[in-house]
Amino acid sequence: MTSLTLVRRIKARPSIVFDAVTTAEGISQWWGPDAGPVLIAEADPRKGGRYRVRFRLLDGTEHESSGEFLEVIRPERVVMSWRWEGGKEDPNESRVEIVLRLIPEGTELTFTHSLLSDEESCRSHEGGWTGALDKLQARFAG
């Protein structure tokens, strides 16, 4: 099993970024690695609550993930289980952790996706999350 960690500085308060990463409305604005649309965004951001996201890439392929909120500490931290529908991207259940820290410019977001099945899956997820987090950062760039 392997993991990846990405860090972004976002020009918005942690409470605003927290809503962007935990609510259906927020998720629908940035999820997915390219400019393709989010087709479904459902979220119940509380411990034991579920989420589901389906997005379409610009190449026309669709991808869906879902899981459970394992830890929700507003506006500092959210931990979710993660599983791809159909399992072709990664067959295992993995874990996503997002930590938000107040900084003078807004929020430092530390994103960790762990328990990925192998290095190939890790590289693929790193590329996907890099694109998605770049969109989240751009959303608040002004």
N, C-alpha and C. Protein backbone atom coordinates (compact mmCIF):
# COMPACT_ATOMS: atom_id res chain seq x y z
N MET A 1 0.85 -1.19 0.00
CA MET A 1 0.00 0.00 0.00
C MET A 1 0.89 1.24 0.00
N THR A 2 0.39 2.29 -0.62
CA THR A 2 1.18 3.50 -0.75
C THR A 2 0.28 4.73 -0.63
N SER A 3 0.90 5.91 -0.56
CA SER A 3 0.11 7.13 -0.37
C SER A 3 0.76 8.30 -1.09
N LEU A 4 -0.01 9.38 -1.18
CA LEU A 4 0.48 10.62 -1.77
C LEU A 4 -0.01 11.77 -0.90
N THR A 5 0.76 12.85 -0.88
CA THR A 5 0.38 14.05 -0.15
C THR A 5 0.62 15.25 -1.05
N LEU A 6 -0.38 16.13 -1.13
CA LEU A 6 -0.30 17.36 -1.91
C LEU A 6 -0.67 18.53 -1.00
N VAL A 7 -0.03 19.66 -1.19
CA VAL A 7 -0.29 20.85 -0.38
C VAL A 7 -0.64 22.00 -1.30
N ARG A 8 -1.66 22.76 -0.93
CA ARG A 8 -2.06 23.96 -1.68
C ARG A 8 -2.31 25.10 -0.70
N ARG A 9 -2.03 26.31 -1.16
CA ARG A 9 -2.39 27.53 -0.41
C ARG A 9 -3.57 28.15 -1.14
N ILE A 10 -4.64 28.33 -0.42
CA ILE A 10 -5.90 28.79 -1.02
C ILE A 10 -6.30 30.12 -0.40
N LYS A 11 -6.70 31.07 -1.24
CA LYS A 11 -7.03 32.41 -0.79
C LYS A 11 -8.48 32.49 -0.32
N ALA A 12 -8.78 31.74 0.75
CA ALA A 12 -10.09 31.76 1.39
C ALA A 12 -9.92 31.22 2.81
N ARG A 13 -10.80 31.64 3.70
CA ARG A 13 -10.75 31.17 5.09
C ARG A 13 -10.98 29.66 5.17
N PRO A 14 -10.45 29.00 6.19
CA PRO A 14 -10.66 27.55 6.34
C PRO A 14 -12.13 27.14 6.32
N SER A 15 -13.02 27.92 6.90
CA SER A 15 -14.44 27.54 6.92
C SER A 15 -15.02 27.49 5.50
N ILE A 16 -14.58 28.39 4.64
CA ILE A 16 -15.06 28.41 3.25
C ILE A 16 -14.47 27.23 2.48
N VAL A 17 -13.18 26.96 2.67
CA VAL A 17 -12.55 25.82 2.00
C VAL A 17 -13.16 24.52 2.50
N PHE A 18 -13.45 24.45 3.80
CA PHE A 18 -14.07 23.25 4.37
C PHE A 18 -15.38 22.95 3.66
N ASP A 19 -16.21 23.97 3.47
CA ASP A 19 -17.48 23.76 2.75
C ASP A 19 -17.24 23.32 1.31
N ALA A 20 -16.19 23.85 0.69
CA ALA A 20 -15.89 23.48 -0.70
C ALA A 20 -15.48 22.02 -0.83
N VAL A 21 -14.89 21.45 0.22
CA VAL A 21 -14.44 20.06 0.13
C VAL A 21 -15.39 19.06 0.77
N THR A 22 -16.45 19.54 1.43
CA THR A 22 -17.35 18.60 2.11
C THR A 22 -18.80 18.65 1.66
N THR A 23 -19.22 19.71 0.98
CA THR A 23 -20.62 19.80 0.59
C THR A 23 -20.79 19.46 -0.89
N ALA A 24 -21.97 18.98 -1.24
CA ALA A 24 -22.24 18.63 -2.64
C ALA A 24 -22.05 19.85 -3.55
N GLU A 25 -22.55 21.00 -3.12
CA GLU A 25 -22.40 22.22 -3.92
C GLU A 25 -20.93 22.58 -4.12
N GLY A 26 -20.15 22.48 -3.05
CA GLY A 26 -18.73 22.80 -3.15
C GLY A 26 -17.97 21.82 -4.02
N ILE A 27 -18.20 20.53 -3.80
CA ILE A 27 -17.52 19.47 -4.55
C ILE A 27 -17.79 19.60 -6.05
N SER A 28 -19.01 19.97 -6.39
CA SER A 28 -19.38 20.04 -7.81
C SER A 28 -18.61 21.12 -8.57
N GLN A 29 -17.93 22.02 -7.84
CA GLN A 29 -17.19 23.11 -8.48
C GLN A 29 -15.76 22.75 -8.86
N TRP A 30 -15.21 21.65 -8.30
CA TRP A 30 -13.78 21.42 -8.53
C TRP A 30 -13.37 19.96 -8.70
N TRP A 31 -14.24 19.04 -8.44
CA TRP A 31 -13.85 17.62 -8.47
C TRP A 31 -13.50 17.17 -9.88
N GLY A 32 -12.55 16.31 -10.01
CA GLY A 32 -12.13 15.78 -11.31
C GLY A 32 -10.88 16.48 -11.79
N PRO A 33 -10.03 15.76 -12.54
CA PRO A 33 -8.72 16.28 -12.89
C PRO A 33 -8.66 17.26 -14.05
N ASP A 34 -9.73 17.36 -14.84
CA ASP A 34 -9.71 18.30 -15.97
C ASP A 34 -10.99 19.13 -15.96
N ALA A 35 -11.27 19.81 -17.05
CA ALA A 35 -12.41 20.72 -17.10
C ALA A 35 -13.74 20.02 -17.34
N GLY A 36 -13.76 18.69 -17.34
CA GLY A 36 -15.01 17.96 -17.50
C GLY A 36 -15.95 18.20 -16.34
N PRO A 37 -17.24 17.97 -16.54
CA PRO A 37 -18.23 18.31 -15.51
C PRO A 37 -18.37 17.25 -14.41
N VAL A 38 -18.81 17.71 -13.25
CA VAL A 38 -19.27 16.82 -12.19
C VAL A 38 -20.73 16.51 -12.51
N LEU A 39 -21.07 15.25 -12.63
CA LEU A 39 -22.42 14.83 -13.00
C LEU A 39 -23.30 14.58 -11.79
N ILE A 40 -22.71 14.04 -10.72
CA ILE A 40 -23.42 13.76 -9.48
C ILE A 40 -22.52 14.17 -8.33
N ALA A 41 -23.05 14.90 -7.37
CA ALA A 41 -22.33 15.22 -6.14
C ALA A 41 -23.32 15.11 -4.99
N GLU A 42 -23.09 14.15 -4.13
CA GLU A 42 -23.92 13.95 -2.95
C GLU A 42 -23.00 13.90 -1.75
N ALA A 43 -23.38 14.57 -0.65
CA ALA A 43 -22.52 14.56 0.53
C ALA A 43 -23.35 14.80 1.78
N ASP A 44 -23.08 14.03 2.80
CA ASP A 44 -23.66 14.18 4.14
C ASP A 44 -22.48 14.27 5.11
N PRO A 45 -21.86 15.48 5.21
CA PRO A 45 -20.60 15.63 5.92
C PRO A 45 -20.71 15.58 7.45
N ARG A 46 -20.90 14.38 7.94
CA ARG A 46 -20.90 14.11 9.38
C ARG A 46 -20.34 12.72 9.57
N LYS A 47 -19.81 12.44 10.73
CA LYS A 47 -19.25 11.11 10.97
C LYS A 47 -20.30 10.06 10.67
N GLY A 48 -19.96 9.13 9.80
CA GLY A 48 -20.89 8.09 9.39
C GLY A 48 -21.73 8.45 8.18
N GLY A 49 -21.70 9.74 7.78
CA GLY A 49 -22.42 10.17 6.59
C GLY A 49 -21.72 9.66 5.34
N ARG A 50 -22.45 9.60 4.24
CA ARG A 50 -21.93 9.07 2.99
C ARG A 50 -21.73 10.20 1.97
N TYR A 51 -20.90 9.93 0.98
CA TYR A 51 -20.75 10.83 -0.16
C TYR A 51 -20.65 9.98 -1.42
N ARG A 52 -20.96 10.61 -2.55
CA ARG A 52 -20.81 9.98 -3.86
C ARG A 52 -20.57 11.08 -4.88
N VAL A 53 -19.60 10.86 -5.76
CA VAL A 53 -19.27 11.83 -6.80
C VAL A 53 -19.05 11.09 -8.11
N ARG A 54 -19.68 11.58 -9.17
CA ARG A 54 -19.47 11.05 -10.52
C ARG A 54 -19.08 12.22 -11.41
N PHE A 55 -17.99 12.04 -12.17
CA PHE A 55 -17.54 13.11 -13.06
C PHE A 55 -17.19 12.53 -14.42
N ARG A 56 -17.22 13.41 -15.43
CA ARG A 56 -16.86 13.03 -16.79
C ARG A 56 -15.59 13.78 -17.18
N LEU A 57 -14.62 13.05 -17.69
CA LEU A 57 -13.40 13.67 -18.20
C LEU A 57 -13.65 14.23 -19.60
N LEU A 58 -12.75 15.08 -20.04
CA LEU A 58 -12.88 15.65 -21.38
C LEU A 58 -12.81 14.58 -22.46
N ASP A 59 -12.20 13.42 -22.17
CA ASP A 59 -12.16 12.34 -23.16
C ASP A 59 -13.47 11.54 -23.21
N GLY A 60 -14.46 11.93 -22.39
CA GLY A 60 -15.77 11.30 -22.41
C GLY A 60 -15.94 10.18 -21.40
N THR A 61 -14.86 9.71 -20.77
CA THR A 61 -14.99 8.65 -19.78
C THR A 61 -15.59 9.20 -18.49
N GLU A 62 -16.34 8.35 -17.80
CA GLU A 62 -16.95 8.73 -16.53
C GLU A 62 -16.35 7.89 -15.41
N HIS A 63 -16.22 8.52 -14.25
CA HIS A 63 -15.62 7.87 -13.08
C HIS A 63 -16.47 8.24 -11.86
N GLU A 64 -16.68 7.25 -10.98
CA GLU A 64 -17.49 7.49 -9.80
C GLU A 64 -16.79 6.92 -8.57
N SER A 65 -16.78 7.70 -7.52
CA SER A 65 -16.24 7.25 -6.24
C SER A 65 -17.26 7.53 -5.15
N SER A 66 -17.14 6.78 -4.07
CA SER A 66 -18.04 6.98 -2.94
C SER A 66 -17.35 6.50 -1.68
N GLY A 67 -17.95 6.83 -0.56
CA GLY A 67 -17.38 6.40 0.70
C GLY A 67 -18.14 7.00 1.86
N GLU A 68 -17.48 6.94 3.01
CA GLU A 68 -18.07 7.38 4.27
C GLU A 68 -17.18 8.43 4.90
N PHE A 69 -17.80 9.42 5.51
CA PHE A 69 -17.05 10.39 6.31
C PHE A 69 -16.68 9.72 7.63
N LEU A 70 -15.38 9.57 7.88
CA LEU A 70 -14.90 8.90 9.08
C LEU A 70 -14.64 9.88 10.21
N GLU A 71 -14.26 11.10 9.84
CA GLU A 71 -13.97 12.13 10.83
C GLU A 71 -14.30 13.48 10.19
N VAL A 72 -15.03 14.31 10.90
CA VAL A 72 -15.40 15.64 10.40
C VAL A 72 -15.22 16.63 11.55
N ILE A 73 -14.18 17.45 11.46
CA ILE A 73 -13.90 18.46 12.47
C ILE A 73 -13.86 19.80 11.76
N ARG A 74 -14.98 20.50 11.78
CA ARG A 74 -15.10 21.78 11.09
C ARG A 74 -14.36 22.86 11.85
N PRO A 75 -13.56 23.70 11.20
CA PRO A 75 -13.18 23.74 9.79
C PRO A 75 -11.75 23.24 9.57
N GLU A 76 -11.34 22.22 10.34
CA GLU A 76 -9.93 21.85 10.35
C GLU A 76 -9.58 20.56 9.61
N ARG A 77 -10.50 19.59 9.60
CA ARG A 77 -10.07 18.26 9.14
C ARG A 77 -11.27 17.43 8.72
N VAL A 78 -11.07 16.67 7.64
CA VAL A 78 -12.07 15.69 7.21
C VAL A 78 -11.32 14.45 6.72
N VAL A 79 -11.82 13.29 7.13
CA VAL A 79 -11.25 12.01 6.72
C VAL A 79 -12.38 11.18 6.13
N MET A 80 -12.14 10.58 4.96
CA MET A 80 -13.16 9.80 4.26
C MET A 80 -12.59 8.48 3.78
N SER A 81 -13.42 7.45 3.81
CA SER A 81 -13.06 6.25 3.08
C SER A 81 -13.29 6.54 1.60
N TRP A 82 -12.64 5.78 0.73
CA TRP A 82 -12.69 6.06 -0.71
C TRP A 82 -12.74 4.74 -1.46
N ARG A 83 -13.70 4.59 -2.35
CA ARG A 83 -13.76 3.41 -3.20
C ARG A 83 -14.27 3.83 -4.57
N TRP A 84 -13.58 3.35 -5.62
CA TRP A 84 -14.02 3.60 -6.99
C TRP A 84 -15.13 2.63 -7.36
N GLU A 85 -16.18 3.13 -7.99
CA GLU A 85 -17.24 2.27 -8.53
C GLU A 85 -16.62 1.38 -9.60
N GLY A 86 -16.78 0.10 -9.49
CA GLY A 86 -16.22 -0.84 -10.45
C GLY A 86 -14.78 -1.21 -10.17
N GLY A 87 -14.06 -0.39 -9.42
CA GLY A 87 -12.71 -0.73 -8.97
C GLY A 87 -11.61 -0.73 -10.00
N LYS A 88 -11.88 -0.25 -11.23
CA LYS A 88 -10.82 -0.33 -12.24
C LYS A 88 -9.68 0.65 -11.97
N GLU A 89 -9.96 1.81 -11.36
CA GLU A 89 -8.91 2.78 -11.04
C GLU A 89 -8.02 2.28 -9.91
N ASP A 90 -8.61 1.61 -8.94
CA ASP A 90 -7.91 0.98 -7.82
C ASP A 90 -8.94 0.06 -7.16
N PRO A 91 -8.63 -1.22 -7.01
CA PRO A 91 -9.63 -2.15 -6.51
C PRO A 91 -9.88 -2.08 -5.00
N ASN A 92 -9.00 -1.42 -4.27
CA ASN A 92 -9.10 -1.41 -2.81
C ASN A 92 -9.86 -0.20 -2.29
N GLU A 93 -10.34 -0.33 -1.06
CA GLU A 93 -10.83 0.85 -0.36
C GLU A 93 -9.61 1.59 0.17
N SER A 94 -9.58 2.89 -0.03
CA SER A 94 -8.47 3.70 0.43
C SER A 94 -9.01 4.81 1.34
N ARG A 95 -8.16 5.78 1.65
CA ARG A 95 -8.53 6.80 2.64
C ARG A 95 -8.04 8.16 2.17
N VAL A 96 -8.91 9.16 2.27
CA VAL A 96 -8.57 10.53 1.94
C VAL A 96 -8.65 11.36 3.22
N GLU A 97 -7.60 12.14 3.46
CA GLU A 97 -7.57 13.04 4.61
C GLU A 97 -7.24 14.44 4.13
N ILE A 98 -8.04 15.41 4.55
CA ILE A 98 -7.82 16.81 4.20
C ILE A 98 -7.69 17.60 5.49
N VAL A 99 -6.55 18.28 5.65
CA VAL A 99 -6.30 19.10 6.83
C VAL A 99 -6.20 20.55 6.38
N LEU A 100 -6.92 21.42 7.05
CA LEU A 100 -6.95 22.85 6.72
C LEU A 100 -6.35 23.65 7.87
N ARG A 101 -5.42 24.54 7.53
CA ARG A 101 -4.74 25.35 8.55
C ARG A 101 -4.79 26.81 8.12
N LEU A 102 -5.21 27.67 9.06
CA LEU A 102 -5.26 29.10 8.80
C LEU A 102 -3.84 29.65 8.62
N ILE A 103 -3.65 30.39 7.53
CA ILE A 103 -2.39 31.09 7.27
C ILE A 103 -2.74 32.52 6.88
N PRO A 104 -1.77 33.44 6.87
CA PRO A 104 -2.10 34.84 6.54
C PRO A 104 -2.81 35.00 5.20
N GLU A 105 -2.45 34.18 4.19
CA GLU A 105 -3.07 34.31 2.86
C GLU A 105 -4.43 33.63 2.77
N GLY A 106 -4.81 32.87 3.78
CA GLY A 106 -6.09 32.15 3.74
C GLY A 106 -5.98 30.80 4.41
N THR A 107 -5.80 29.74 3.61
CA THR A 107 -5.78 28.38 4.13
C THR A 107 -4.67 27.57 3.47
N GLU A 108 -3.95 26.83 4.29
CA GLU A 108 -3.06 25.81 3.76
C GLU A 108 -3.81 24.49 3.83
N LEU A 109 -3.99 23.86 2.68
CA LEU A 109 -4.69 22.59 2.57
C LEU A 109 -3.65 21.50 2.35
N THR A 110 -3.66 20.50 3.23
CA THR A 110 -2.81 19.33 3.07
C THR A 110 -3.72 18.15 2.77
N PHE A 111 -3.52 17.56 1.61
CA PHE A 111 -4.37 16.49 1.10
C PHE A 111 -3.55 15.21 1.04
N THR A 112 -4.02 14.15 1.71
CA THR A 112 -3.33 12.87 1.71
C THR A 112 -4.30 11.78 1.27
N HIS A 113 -3.91 11.01 0.27
CA HIS A 113 -4.68 9.83 -0.15
C HIS A 113 -3.80 8.63 0.13
N SER A 114 -4.24 7.78 1.06
CA SER A 114 -3.42 6.66 1.51
C SER A 114 -4.13 5.33 1.27
N LEU A 115 -3.39 4.26 1.48
CA LEU A 115 -3.87 2.89 1.31
C LEU A 115 -4.16 2.55 -0.15
N LEU A 116 -3.49 3.25 -1.07
CA LEU A 116 -3.61 2.92 -2.49
C LEU A 116 -2.88 1.61 -2.76
N SER A 117 -3.33 0.84 -3.75
CA SER A 117 -2.87 -0.54 -3.91
C SER A 117 -1.42 -0.67 -4.36
N ASP A 118 -0.92 0.27 -5.18
CA ASP A 118 0.46 0.14 -5.68
C ASP A 118 0.96 1.48 -6.21
N GLU A 119 2.22 1.49 -6.65
CA GLU A 119 2.83 2.74 -7.14
C GLU A 119 2.13 3.28 -8.38
N GLU A 120 1.69 2.41 -9.26
CA GLU A 120 0.99 2.85 -10.47
C GLU A 120 -0.31 3.57 -10.09
N SER A 121 -1.06 3.00 -9.17
CA SER A 121 -2.29 3.64 -8.70
C SER A 121 -1.97 4.98 -8.03
N CYS A 122 -0.90 5.00 -7.27
CA CYS A 122 -0.50 6.24 -6.60
C CYS A 122 -0.18 7.33 -7.62
N ARG A 123 0.57 7.01 -8.65
CA ARG A 123 0.91 7.99 -9.69
C ARG A 123 -0.35 8.49 -10.41
N SER A 124 -1.25 7.58 -10.72
CA SER A 124 -2.49 7.95 -11.40
C SER A 124 -3.33 8.89 -10.52
N HIS A 125 -3.47 8.53 -9.25
CA HIS A 125 -4.24 9.37 -8.33
C HIS A 125 -3.57 10.72 -8.11
N GLU A 126 -2.24 10.72 -8.06
CA GLU A 126 -1.53 12.00 -7.88
C GLU A 126 -1.83 12.94 -9.04
N GLY A 127 -1.83 12.41 -10.26
CA GLY A 127 -2.17 13.24 -11.41
C GLY A 127 -3.59 13.76 -11.34
N GLY A 128 -4.52 12.89 -10.97
CA GLY A 128 -5.91 13.30 -10.86
C GLY A 128 -6.14 14.34 -9.79
N TRP A 129 -5.58 14.09 -8.61
CA TRP A 129 -5.77 15.04 -7.50
C TRP A 129 -5.04 16.35 -7.76
N THR A 130 -3.91 16.31 -8.45
CA THR A 130 -3.21 17.56 -8.78
C THR A 130 -4.12 18.45 -9.62
N GLY A 131 -4.76 17.88 -10.64
CA GLY A 131 -5.68 18.66 -11.47
C GLY A 131 -6.86 19.17 -10.68
N ALA A 132 -7.44 18.33 -9.84
CA ALA A 132 -8.61 18.74 -9.06
C ALA A 132 -8.24 19.85 -8.06
N LEU A 133 -7.14 19.68 -7.34
CA LEU A 133 -6.76 20.69 -6.36
C LEU A 133 -6.32 21.99 -7.02
N ASP A 134 -5.75 21.90 -8.22
CA ASP A 134 -5.44 23.13 -8.96
C ASP A 134 -6.75 23.88 -9.28
N LYS A 135 -7.80 23.15 -9.63
CA LYS A 135 -9.10 23.80 -9.90
C LYS A 135 -9.67 24.42 -8.62
N LEU A 136 -9.54 23.72 -7.49
CA LEU A 136 -10.02 24.27 -6.22
C LEU A 136 -9.24 25.56 -5.89
N GLN A 137 -7.94 25.53 -6.04
CA GLN A 137 -7.12 26.70 -5.77
C GLN A 137 -7.51 27.86 -6.69
N ALA A 138 -7.69 27.58 -7.96
CA ALA A 138 -8.05 28.61 -8.94
C ALA A 138 -9.43 29.22 -8.64
N ARG A 139 -10.31 28.41 -8.10
CA ARG A 139 -11.67 28.88 -7.79
C ARG A 139 -11.63 30.07 -6.83
N PHE A 140 -10.63 30.10 -5.95
CA PHE A 140 -10.54 31.16 -4.95
C PHE A 140 -9.41 32.15 -5.24
N ALA A 141 -8.81 32.06 -6.42
CA ALA A 141 -7.67 32.92 -6.74
C ALA A 141 -8.06 34.37 -6.95
N GLY A 142 -9.35 34.63 -7.16
CA GLY A 142 -9.79 36.02 -7.33
C GLY A 142 -9.80 36.37 -8.77
